[in-house]
Amino acid sequence: MDDTATRHTEKMKRIKAARDKMMASKTGEKGLIMVHTGPGKGKSSSGFGMVLRCIAHGMPCAVVQFIKGGRDTGERELLRTRFAQECRFFVSGEGFTWETQDRERDIAAAQNGWRIAREQILDPEIRFVLLDEINIALRYDYLDVAEVVDFLLHEKPPMTHVCLTGRNAKAELIEAADLVTEMSLIKHPFRAGIKAQPGVEF
């Protein structure tokens, strides 16, 4: 073995020992409050990726979709037609706010979505709940962020995971969450005149 390969092997041994020691100290388990926010693409996509992981692990889950419910999406079609037993799927929005142009209707839809969300989170059979685009409803004050945070912190069952997606997550929600990921926008084809496409955007 030459010097480069030997140094690499020794370096990897040290890294593995450090990682093993670190992992041995991580023994806690809890239901997480997760927030996916930021201007970049991938917030909902990541949430739906976790839904599929849960299905693979035999963990019943639910999706409550806020705001963008007016459009048929690949994830909705897949989950409703092939995984309806494993994942409940609810749509409470009628479309983006600039499409409905009716604040009272948007508020009513968001409030109904939050009612369904609470029911799903409290259901002892459900292990993971995705609240897709709820951050938008919170941003426009269709929902009371204090109420949402209080429920997640004090009423959510201890082992139930909840993921909340959407841009501009409120500071109170970020503070309450266990895991927060901000998707940054570096480049997007929309700026080059490319429209949203099936399999990528929806």
Foldseek 3Di string as FASTA:
>chain_A
DDPVVVVVVVVVVVVVVVVVVVVVVPDDAWAFEEEEAADAPDFVVVVLVVLVVCVVVQAAEEEEEAAALQDDAPSVVCCVPPPCVRYHYHYQHNHHCVVVVDLVSSLVSLVVSVVVQLVQQQPPRHAEYEHEAVQVCVVVPSDPPVVVLCCVVPPGPTRHYYYYYYYDRDPSSVVSGPYYHYHYDDDDCVVVVDDDDHPRRD
